[in-house]
Amino acid sequence: MPKMKTKKSAAKRYSFTGSGKVKYKKQNLRHILTKKTSKRKRNLRHAGILSSDNVPVIKKKLLPYG
């Protein structure tokens, strides 16, 4: 049986925490930043945690080897 391939686009977007949660970088912090408030930009800096509904899909299909 051949190995499963990792979806490279997903590997660049998601990573796992030590407890097995899926971490990702939040969107909307690339351009047109002048109209966004400082509070909004500050909150976008921190990594987001994916909801538990989507974690099995990421783990099984997109990143089979973590």
N, C-alpha and C. Protein backbone atom coordinates (compact mmCIF):
# COMPACT_ATOMS: atom_id res chain seq x y z
N MET A 1 0.85 -1.19 0.00
CA MET A 1 0.00 0.00 0.00
C MET A 1 0.89 1.24 0.00
N PRO A 2 0.69 2.16 -0.93
CA PRO A 2 1.53 3.36 -0.96
C PRO A 2 1.16 4.31 0.19
N LYS A 3 2.10 5.18 0.48
CA LYS A 3 1.86 6.19 1.51
C LYS A 3 0.84 7.21 1.00
N MET A 4 0.13 7.81 1.94
CA MET A 4 -0.79 8.90 1.58
C MET A 4 0.02 10.16 1.38
N LYS A 5 -0.37 10.97 0.42
CA LYS A 5 0.32 12.23 0.19
C LYS A 5 -0.30 13.33 1.05
N THR A 6 0.55 14.18 1.59
CA THR A 6 0.10 15.35 2.34
C THR A 6 -0.31 16.42 1.34
N LYS A 7 -1.43 17.06 1.56
CA LYS A 7 -1.82 18.20 0.74
C LYS A 7 -0.95 19.39 1.15
N LYS A 8 -0.04 19.78 0.26
CA LYS A 8 0.96 20.78 0.61
C LYS A 8 0.34 22.14 0.89
N SER A 9 -0.76 22.46 0.22
CA SER A 9 -1.41 23.74 0.48
C SER A 9 -1.94 23.79 1.91
N ALA A 10 -2.45 22.66 2.39
CA ALA A 10 -2.95 22.60 3.77
C ALA A 10 -1.80 22.62 4.76
N ALA A 11 -0.68 21.99 4.41
CA ALA A 11 0.48 21.95 5.31
C ALA A 11 1.03 23.35 5.55
N LYS A 12 0.90 24.22 4.54
CA LYS A 12 1.39 25.59 4.69
C LYS A 12 0.43 26.46 5.50
N ARG A 13 -0.82 26.06 5.58
CA ARG A 13 -1.83 26.89 6.25
C ARG A 13 -2.13 26.45 7.69
N TYR A 14 -1.99 25.18 7.97
CA TYR A 14 -2.38 24.65 9.28
C TYR A 14 -1.20 24.00 9.98
N SER A 15 -1.23 24.05 11.32
CA SER A 15 -0.27 23.29 12.12
C SER A 15 -0.98 22.81 13.37
N PHE A 16 -0.40 21.84 14.03
CA PHE A 16 -1.04 21.24 15.20
C PHE A 16 -0.40 21.75 16.48
N THR A 17 -1.22 21.92 17.52
CA THR A 17 -0.71 22.26 18.84
C THR A 17 -0.33 20.96 19.54
N GLY A 18 0.26 21.08 20.71
CA GLY A 18 0.66 19.90 21.45
C GLY A 18 -0.51 19.04 21.88
N SER A 19 -1.66 19.66 22.11
CA SER A 19 -2.84 18.90 22.55
C SER A 19 -3.67 18.38 21.39
N GLY A 20 -3.23 18.64 20.14
CA GLY A 20 -3.92 18.10 18.98
C GLY A 20 -4.91 19.03 18.32
N LYS A 21 -4.99 20.29 18.78
CA LYS A 21 -5.86 21.25 18.12
C LYS A 21 -5.19 21.75 16.84
N VAL A 22 -5.99 22.28 15.93
CA VAL A 22 -5.45 22.78 14.67
C VAL A 22 -5.37 24.30 14.72
N LYS A 23 -4.18 24.82 14.41
CA LYS A 23 -3.89 26.24 14.51
C LYS A 23 -3.73 26.81 13.10
N TYR A 24 -4.18 28.06 12.89
CA TYR A 24 -4.05 28.70 11.58
C TYR A 24 -3.85 30.19 11.76
N LYS A 25 -3.31 30.85 10.73
CA LYS A 25 -3.14 32.30 10.76
C LYS A 25 -4.42 32.95 10.27
N LYS A 26 -4.86 33.99 10.97
CA LYS A 26 -6.10 34.66 10.61
C LYS A 26 -5.91 35.51 9.36
N GLN A 27 -7.01 35.72 8.64
CA GLN A 27 -6.97 36.50 7.40
C GLN A 27 -7.17 37.98 7.68
N ASN A 28 -7.11 38.80 6.63
CA ASN A 28 -7.37 40.25 6.67
C ASN A 28 -6.26 41.07 7.30
N LEU A 29 -5.01 40.64 7.19
CA LEU A 29 -3.92 41.44 7.75
C LEU A 29 -2.82 41.66 6.71
N ARG A 30 -3.16 41.67 5.44
CA ARG A 30 -2.18 41.80 4.37
C ARG A 30 -2.13 43.19 3.75
N HIS A 31 -3.29 43.75 3.43
CA HIS A 31 -3.31 45.07 2.78
C HIS A 31 -4.59 45.79 3.17
N ILE A 32 -4.68 47.05 2.76
CA ILE A 32 -5.78 47.95 3.15
C ILE A 32 -5.92 47.97 4.68
N LEU A 33 -4.83 48.29 5.34
CA LEU A 33 -4.81 48.25 6.80
C LEU A 33 -5.18 49.60 7.42
N THR A 34 -5.21 50.66 6.62
CA THR A 34 -5.45 51.98 7.21
C THR A 34 -6.87 52.13 7.75
N LYS A 35 -7.83 51.49 7.12
CA LYS A 35 -9.21 51.64 7.58
C LYS A 35 -9.56 50.68 8.72
N LYS A 36 -8.67 49.76 9.05
CA LYS A 36 -8.93 48.81 10.12
C LYS A 36 -8.41 49.39 11.43
N THR A 37 -9.15 49.18 12.49
CA THR A 37 -8.75 49.74 13.78
C THR A 37 -7.55 48.99 14.34
N SER A 38 -6.83 49.65 15.23
CA SER A 38 -5.66 49.03 15.86
C SER A 38 -6.06 47.80 16.65
N LYS A 39 -7.20 47.86 17.30
CA LYS A 39 -7.69 46.71 18.08
C LYS A 39 -7.94 45.51 17.18
N ARG A 40 -8.56 45.77 16.04
CA ARG A 40 -8.85 44.69 15.10
C ARG A 40 -7.57 44.06 14.55
N LYS A 41 -6.59 44.91 14.20
CA LYS A 41 -5.32 44.40 13.67
C LYS A 41 -4.55 43.64 14.74
N ARG A 42 -4.61 44.11 15.96
CA ARG A 42 -3.92 43.44 17.08
C ARG A 42 -4.51 42.06 17.32
N ASN A 43 -5.83 41.95 17.27
CA ASN A 43 -6.48 40.66 17.49
C ASN A 43 -6.25 39.69 16.34
N LEU A 44 -6.02 40.20 15.15
CA LEU A 44 -5.75 39.35 13.99
C LEU A 44 -4.35 38.76 14.02
N ARG A 45 -3.45 39.34 14.81
CA ARG A 45 -2.08 38.84 14.88
C ARG A 45 -2.00 37.44 15.49
N HIS A 46 -2.86 37.17 16.44
CA HIS A 46 -2.79 35.90 17.15
C HIS A 46 -3.36 34.78 16.29
N ALA A 47 -2.81 33.60 16.47
CA ALA A 47 -3.27 32.44 15.70
C ALA A 47 -4.68 32.06 16.11
N GLY A 48 -5.44 31.56 15.16
CA GLY A 48 -6.79 31.09 15.43
C GLY A 48 -6.76 29.58 15.66
N ILE A 49 -7.75 29.09 16.38
CA ILE A 49 -7.91 27.65 16.62
C ILE A 49 -9.13 27.19 15.84
N LEU A 50 -8.95 26.17 15.03
CA LEU A 50 -10.03 25.65 14.21
C LEU A 50 -11.08 24.98 15.08
N SER A 51 -12.35 25.11 14.69
CA SER A 51 -13.42 24.49 15.47
C SER A 51 -13.29 22.97 15.41
N SER A 52 -13.78 22.31 16.44
CA SER A 52 -13.59 20.86 16.56
C SER A 52 -14.35 20.09 15.49
N ASP A 53 -15.32 20.72 14.82
CA ASP A 53 -16.06 20.03 13.75
C ASP A 53 -15.17 19.75 12.55
N ASN A 54 -14.24 20.65 12.26
CA ASN A 54 -13.40 20.53 11.06
C ASN A 54 -12.09 19.79 11.30
N VAL A 55 -11.75 19.53 12.53
CA VAL A 55 -10.46 18.90 12.84
C VAL A 55 -10.31 17.51 12.22
N PRO A 56 -11.30 16.62 12.27
CA PRO A 56 -11.12 15.30 11.67
C PRO A 56 -10.82 15.33 10.17
N VAL A 57 -11.42 16.27 9.46
CA VAL A 57 -11.18 16.39 8.02
C VAL A 57 -9.73 16.78 7.76
N ILE A 58 -9.24 17.74 8.51
CA ILE A 58 -7.86 18.20 8.34
C ILE A 58 -6.90 17.07 8.68
N LYS A 59 -7.14 16.39 9.79
CA LYS A 59 -6.21 15.34 10.23
C LYS A 59 -6.19 14.15 9.30
N LYS A 60 -7.35 13.72 8.82
CA LYS A 60 -7.42 12.48 8.05
C LYS A 60 -7.10 12.69 6.58
N LYS A 61 -7.71 13.68 5.96
CA LYS A 61 -7.59 13.83 4.52
C LYS A 61 -6.44 14.74 4.08
N LEU A 62 -6.25 15.85 4.77
CA LEU A 62 -5.29 16.83 4.29
C LEU A 62 -3.89 16.64 4.88
N LEU A 63 -3.82 16.34 6.17
CA LEU A 63 -2.52 16.18 6.83
C LEU A 63 -2.48 14.83 7.53
N PRO A 64 -2.36 13.74 6.78
CA PRO A 64 -2.44 12.41 7.41
C PRO A 64 -1.31 12.11 8.37
N TYR A 65 -0.17 12.77 8.22
CA TYR A 65 0.98 12.47 9.09
C TYR A 65 1.29 13.62 10.04
N GLY A 66 0.36 14.53 10.20
CA GLY A 66 0.49 15.63 11.15
C GLY A 66 1.59 16.56 10.79
